[in-house]
Amino acid sequence: IPVRQIALRPLDRSQTGRFIADALRCPEEKTIPLAEILYRKSGGNPFFLGQLLKTVYDEKLLLLNTRDHCWEWEPESVQKLQMADDVVDLLLGKLQKLPEE
């Protein structure tokens, strides 16, 4: 099978905003503060961006408002969250949290 290499570029700010809005099924203008925080952390790397969003959820900083059927978060809390500076550190941190078995 021939191997093809495809160079993927980082997302820009507006693409990051759409990524977050699509993931959370929220209007893009509502997600701007969260998208900006995650864009600065991820540098637009789509994989890292998705993992950071999952980390925000795992830390219970992203909550579903079942009454209004939308996601909610506190930008200040997300900003204060200690997140890995790169994909490798993020994945190593996740591996370290796994049980020894």
N, C-alpha and C. Protein backbone atom coordinates (compact mmCIF):
# COMPACT_ATOMS: atom_id res chain seq x y z
N ILE A 1 0.86 -1.17 0.00
CA ILE A 1 0.00 0.00 0.00
C ILE A 1 0.90 1.23 0.00
N PRO A 2 0.68 2.11 -0.94
CA PRO A 2 1.50 3.33 -0.95
C PRO A 2 1.18 4.21 0.27
N VAL A 3 2.22 4.76 0.84
CA VAL A 3 2.07 5.63 2.00
C VAL A 3 2.05 7.07 1.51
N ARG A 4 1.05 7.80 1.97
CA ARG A 4 0.96 9.22 1.62
C ARG A 4 1.08 10.02 2.89
N GLN A 5 1.79 11.08 2.79
CA GLN A 5 1.95 11.95 3.94
C GLN A 5 1.12 13.21 3.70
N ILE A 6 0.32 13.54 4.69
CA ILE A 6 -0.53 14.72 4.60
C ILE A 6 -0.11 15.66 5.72
N ALA A 7 0.27 16.85 5.37
CA ALA A 7 0.67 17.84 6.37
C ALA A 7 -0.58 18.58 6.85
N LEU A 8 -0.84 18.50 8.12
CA LEU A 8 -1.98 19.20 8.71
C LEU A 8 -1.47 20.42 9.46
N ARG A 9 -2.09 21.52 9.21
CA ARG A 9 -1.70 22.76 9.88
C ARG A 9 -2.58 22.97 11.11
N PRO A 10 -2.08 23.77 12.05
CA PRO A 10 -2.91 24.10 13.22
C PRO A 10 -4.15 24.90 12.81
N LEU A 11 -5.18 24.79 13.62
CA LEU A 11 -6.38 25.58 13.40
C LEU A 11 -6.09 27.03 13.77
N ASP A 12 -6.74 27.96 13.08
CA ASP A 12 -6.61 29.36 13.49
C ASP A 12 -7.68 29.66 14.55
N ARG A 13 -7.72 30.88 15.03
CA ARG A 13 -8.66 31.23 16.11
C ARG A 13 -10.11 30.98 15.72
N SER A 14 -10.48 31.37 14.50
CA SER A 14 -11.89 31.20 14.11
C SER A 14 -12.23 29.72 13.93
N GLN A 15 -11.31 28.93 13.39
CA GLN A 15 -11.55 27.49 13.25
C GLN A 15 -11.64 26.84 14.62
N THR A 16 -10.83 27.30 15.56
CA THR A 16 -10.89 26.80 16.93
C THR A 16 -12.25 27.10 17.54
N GLY A 17 -12.74 28.31 17.31
CA GLY A 17 -14.07 28.68 17.81
C GLY A 17 -15.15 27.79 17.25
N ARG A 18 -15.08 27.48 15.96
CA ARG A 18 -16.07 26.58 15.34
C ARG A 18 -15.94 25.16 15.89
N PHE A 19 -14.71 24.71 16.11
CA PHE A 19 -14.45 23.38 16.67
C PHE A 19 -15.13 23.26 18.03
N ILE A 20 -14.90 24.25 18.91
CA ILE A 20 -15.48 24.22 20.25
C ILE A 20 -17.01 24.32 20.18
N ALA A 21 -17.51 25.24 19.35
CA ALA A 21 -18.96 25.41 19.21
C ALA A 21 -19.61 24.12 18.70
N ASP A 22 -18.99 23.47 17.73
CA ASP A 22 -19.54 22.21 17.21
C ASP A 22 -19.50 21.11 18.27
N ALA A 23 -18.39 21.03 19.00
CA ALA A 23 -18.26 19.99 20.02
C ALA A 23 -19.29 20.16 21.13
N LEU A 24 -19.57 21.41 21.48
CA LEU A 24 -20.50 21.68 22.58
C LEU A 24 -21.92 21.96 22.10
N ARG A 25 -22.09 21.98 20.78
CA ARG A 25 -23.40 22.27 20.19
C ARG A 25 -23.98 23.56 20.76
N CYS A 26 -23.13 24.57 20.77
CA CYS A 26 -23.51 25.90 21.26
C CYS A 26 -23.26 26.93 20.16
N PRO A 27 -23.91 28.08 20.24
CA PRO A 27 -23.59 29.14 19.29
C PRO A 27 -22.13 29.56 19.45
N GLU A 28 -21.49 29.80 18.33
CA GLU A 28 -20.06 30.13 18.35
C GLU A 28 -19.75 31.34 19.23
N GLU A 29 -20.62 32.35 19.20
CA GLU A 29 -20.35 33.55 20.00
C GLU A 29 -20.34 33.26 21.50
N LYS A 30 -21.08 32.24 21.93
CA LYS A 30 -21.09 31.88 23.35
C LYS A 30 -19.77 31.21 23.76
N THR A 31 -19.14 30.52 22.83
CA THR A 31 -17.95 29.74 23.17
C THR A 31 -16.65 30.54 23.03
N ILE A 32 -16.72 31.79 22.61
CA ILE A 32 -15.51 32.57 22.35
C ILE A 32 -14.55 32.59 23.55
N PRO A 33 -15.01 32.87 24.78
CA PRO A 33 -14.04 32.89 25.90
C PRO A 33 -13.34 31.54 26.11
N LEU A 34 -14.09 30.45 26.05
CA LEU A 34 -13.50 29.12 26.22
C LEU A 34 -12.57 28.80 25.06
N ALA A 35 -13.00 29.09 23.85
CA ALA A 35 -12.18 28.81 22.66
C ALA A 35 -10.86 29.58 22.72
N GLU A 36 -10.90 30.80 23.19
CA GLU A 36 -9.67 31.61 23.27
C GLU A 36 -8.68 31.00 24.26
N ILE A 37 -9.18 30.58 25.42
CA ILE A 37 -8.31 29.96 26.43
C ILE A 37 -7.68 28.69 25.85
N LEU A 38 -8.50 27.84 25.25
CA LEU A 38 -8.00 26.56 24.72
C LEU A 38 -7.12 26.76 23.49
N TYR A 39 -7.38 27.80 22.71
CA TYR A 39 -6.53 28.09 21.55
C TYR A 39 -5.13 28.48 22.03
N ARG A 40 -5.07 29.34 23.04
CA ARG A 40 -3.77 29.77 23.55
C ARG A 40 -2.98 28.58 24.10
N LYS A 41 -3.67 27.66 24.77
CA LYS A 41 -3.00 26.49 25.33
C LYS A 41 -2.56 25.50 24.26
N SER A 42 -3.41 25.29 23.25
CA SER A 42 -3.15 24.24 22.26
C SER A 42 -2.37 24.72 21.05
N GLY A 43 -2.33 26.02 20.84
CA GLY A 43 -1.67 26.53 19.64
C GLY A 43 -2.43 26.15 18.38
N GLY A 44 -3.67 25.71 18.54
CA GLY A 44 -4.48 25.32 17.39
C GLY A 44 -4.32 23.87 16.97
N ASN A 45 -3.51 23.10 17.69
CA ASN A 45 -3.34 21.68 17.38
C ASN A 45 -4.67 20.97 17.63
N PRO A 46 -5.33 20.44 16.58
CA PRO A 46 -6.67 19.86 16.75
C PRO A 46 -6.72 18.73 17.78
N PHE A 47 -5.74 17.84 17.77
CA PHE A 47 -5.74 16.73 18.73
C PHE A 47 -5.60 17.27 20.16
N PHE A 48 -4.64 18.14 20.36
CA PHE A 48 -4.40 18.72 21.69
C PHE A 48 -5.61 19.52 22.14
N LEU A 49 -6.24 20.25 21.23
CA LEU A 49 -7.44 21.02 21.53
C LEU A 49 -8.55 20.12 22.06
N GLY A 50 -8.79 19.01 21.37
CA GLY A 50 -9.81 18.05 21.80
C GLY A 50 -9.50 17.45 23.15
N GLN A 51 -8.22 17.15 23.39
CA GLN A 51 -7.81 16.57 24.67
C GLN A 51 -7.95 17.59 25.79
N LEU A 52 -7.64 18.85 25.51
CA LEU A 52 -7.81 19.89 26.53
C LEU A 52 -9.28 20.07 26.87
N LEU A 53 -10.14 20.04 25.85
CA LEU A 53 -11.57 20.17 26.09
C LEU A 53 -12.06 19.00 26.96
N LYS A 54 -11.56 17.81 26.69
CA LYS A 54 -11.92 16.64 27.50
C LYS A 54 -11.41 16.80 28.93
N THR A 55 -10.23 17.37 29.10
CA THR A 55 -9.68 17.61 30.43
C THR A 55 -10.56 18.58 31.21
N VAL A 56 -11.02 19.64 30.54
CA VAL A 56 -11.92 20.60 31.19
C VAL A 56 -13.19 19.87 31.65
N TYR A 57 -13.71 18.98 30.82
CA TYR A 57 -14.90 18.20 31.18
C TYR A 57 -14.59 17.26 32.34
N ASP A 58 -13.47 16.53 32.24
CA ASP A 58 -13.09 15.56 33.28
C ASP A 58 -12.91 16.23 34.64
N GLU A 59 -12.46 17.48 34.63
CA GLU A 59 -12.26 18.23 35.88
C GLU A 59 -13.55 18.86 36.38
N LYS A 60 -14.64 18.55 35.70
CA LYS A 60 -15.98 19.04 36.07
C LYS A 60 -16.11 20.56 36.00
N LEU A 61 -15.38 21.15 35.05
CA LEU A 61 -15.48 22.59 34.81
C LEU A 61 -16.38 22.89 33.64
N LEU A 62 -16.84 21.85 32.98
CA LEU A 62 -17.76 21.95 31.85
C LEU A 62 -18.99 21.13 32.23
N LEU A 63 -20.10 21.82 32.43
CA LEU A 63 -21.29 21.16 32.95
C LEU A 63 -22.47 21.36 32.02
N LEU A 64 -23.28 20.32 31.88
CA LEU A 64 -24.47 20.40 31.04
C LEU A 64 -25.63 20.96 31.85
N ASN A 65 -26.19 22.04 31.36
CA ASN A 65 -27.39 22.62 31.95
C ASN A 65 -28.57 21.91 31.29
N THR A 66 -29.16 20.96 32.01
CA THR A 66 -30.22 20.14 31.42
C THR A 66 -31.52 20.90 31.21
N ARG A 67 -31.69 21.96 31.98
CA ARG A 67 -32.91 22.78 31.82
C ARG A 67 -32.87 23.53 30.48
N ASP A 68 -31.70 24.16 30.18
CA ASP A 68 -31.57 24.95 28.95
C ASP A 68 -30.93 24.17 27.81
N HIS A 69 -30.51 22.93 28.09
CA HIS A 69 -29.87 22.06 27.09
C HIS A 69 -28.64 22.72 26.46
N CYS A 70 -27.77 23.24 27.33
CA CYS A 70 -26.54 23.82 26.82
C CYS A 70 -25.42 23.60 27.85
N TRP A 71 -24.19 23.69 27.38
CA TRP A 71 -23.04 23.53 28.24
C TRP A 71 -22.70 24.86 28.88
N GLU A 72 -22.21 24.80 30.11
CA GLU A 72 -21.82 26.00 30.82
C GLU A 72 -20.45 25.80 31.46
N TRP A 73 -19.73 26.90 31.64
CA TRP A 73 -18.41 26.86 32.24
C TRP A 73 -18.10 28.24 32.79
N GLU A 74 -17.13 28.28 33.67
CA GLU A 74 -16.64 29.53 34.23
C GLU A 74 -15.27 29.77 33.59
N PRO A 75 -15.13 30.77 32.72
CA PRO A 75 -13.84 31.00 32.06
C PRO A 75 -12.69 31.17 33.05
N GLU A 76 -12.96 31.80 34.20
CA GLU A 76 -11.91 32.00 35.19
C GLU A 76 -11.40 30.67 35.73
N SER A 77 -12.31 29.73 35.97
CA SER A 77 -11.93 28.41 36.48
C SER A 77 -11.14 27.63 35.45
N VAL A 78 -11.54 27.72 34.21
CA VAL A 78 -10.82 27.03 33.13
C VAL A 78 -9.42 27.64 32.99
N GLN A 79 -9.35 28.96 33.07
CA GLN A 79 -8.05 29.65 32.95
C GLN A 79 -7.10 29.21 34.06
N LYS A 80 -7.62 29.01 35.27
CA LYS A 80 -6.80 28.62 36.42
C LYS A 80 -6.40 27.15 36.42
N LEU A 81 -7.11 26.34 35.64
CA LEU A 81 -6.83 24.91 35.61
C LEU A 81 -5.40 24.65 35.14
N GLN A 82 -4.70 23.83 35.90
CA GLN A 82 -3.34 23.45 35.51
C GLN A 82 -3.43 22.43 34.38
N MET A 83 -3.10 22.86 33.17
CA MET A 83 -3.15 21.98 32.00
C MET A 83 -1.74 21.80 31.47
N ALA A 84 -1.52 20.68 30.84
CA ALA A 84 -0.22 20.38 30.23
C ALA A 84 0.09 21.42 29.17
N ASP A 85 1.38 21.67 28.97
CA ASP A 85 1.81 22.64 27.97
C ASP A 85 1.94 22.06 26.58
N ASP A 86 1.95 20.74 26.48
CA ASP A 86 2.01 20.12 25.16
C ASP A 86 1.35 18.74 25.21
N VAL A 87 1.18 18.15 24.04
CA VAL A 87 0.48 16.87 23.92
C VAL A 87 1.19 15.78 24.70
N VAL A 88 2.50 15.74 24.64
CA VAL A 88 3.25 14.69 25.32
C VAL A 88 3.02 14.76 26.83
N ASP A 89 3.12 15.95 27.41
CA ASP A 89 2.89 16.10 28.85
C ASP A 89 1.46 15.71 29.21
N LEU A 90 0.52 16.08 28.38
CA LEU A 90 -0.89 15.74 28.63
C LEU A 90 -1.08 14.23 28.66
N LEU A 91 -0.55 13.54 27.66
CA LEU A 91 -0.70 12.08 27.60
C LEU A 91 0.05 11.38 28.72
N LEU A 92 1.23 11.88 29.08
CA LEU A 92 1.97 11.30 30.20
C LEU A 92 1.19 11.46 31.50
N GLY A 93 0.58 12.61 31.69
CA GLY A 93 -0.24 12.84 32.88
C GLY A 93 -1.41 11.88 32.94
N LYS A 94 -2.04 11.63 31.79
CA LYS A 94 -3.17 10.69 31.75
C LYS A 94 -2.70 9.27 32.05
N LEU A 95 -1.55 8.89 31.53
CA LEU A 95 -1.02 7.55 31.79
C LEU A 95 -0.70 7.37 33.27
N GLN A 96 -0.19 8.41 33.92
CA GLN A 96 0.16 8.32 35.32
C GLN A 96 -1.07 8.19 36.21
N LYS A 97 -2.23 8.62 35.73
CA LYS A 97 -3.46 8.51 36.50
C LYS A 97 -4.11 7.12 36.39
N LEU A 98 -3.62 6.31 35.46
CA LEU A 98 -4.19 4.97 35.30
C LEU A 98 -3.79 4.08 36.48
N PRO A 99 -4.67 3.15 36.86
CA PRO A 99 -4.29 2.22 37.93
C PRO A 99 -3.14 1.32 37.47
N GLU A 100 -2.33 0.90 38.42
CA GLU A 100 -1.17 0.07 38.09
C GLU A 100 -1.52 -1.20 37.34
N GLU A 101 -2.66 -1.80 37.68
CA GLU A 101 -3.05 -3.05 37.04
C GLU A 101 -3.21 -2.79 35.57
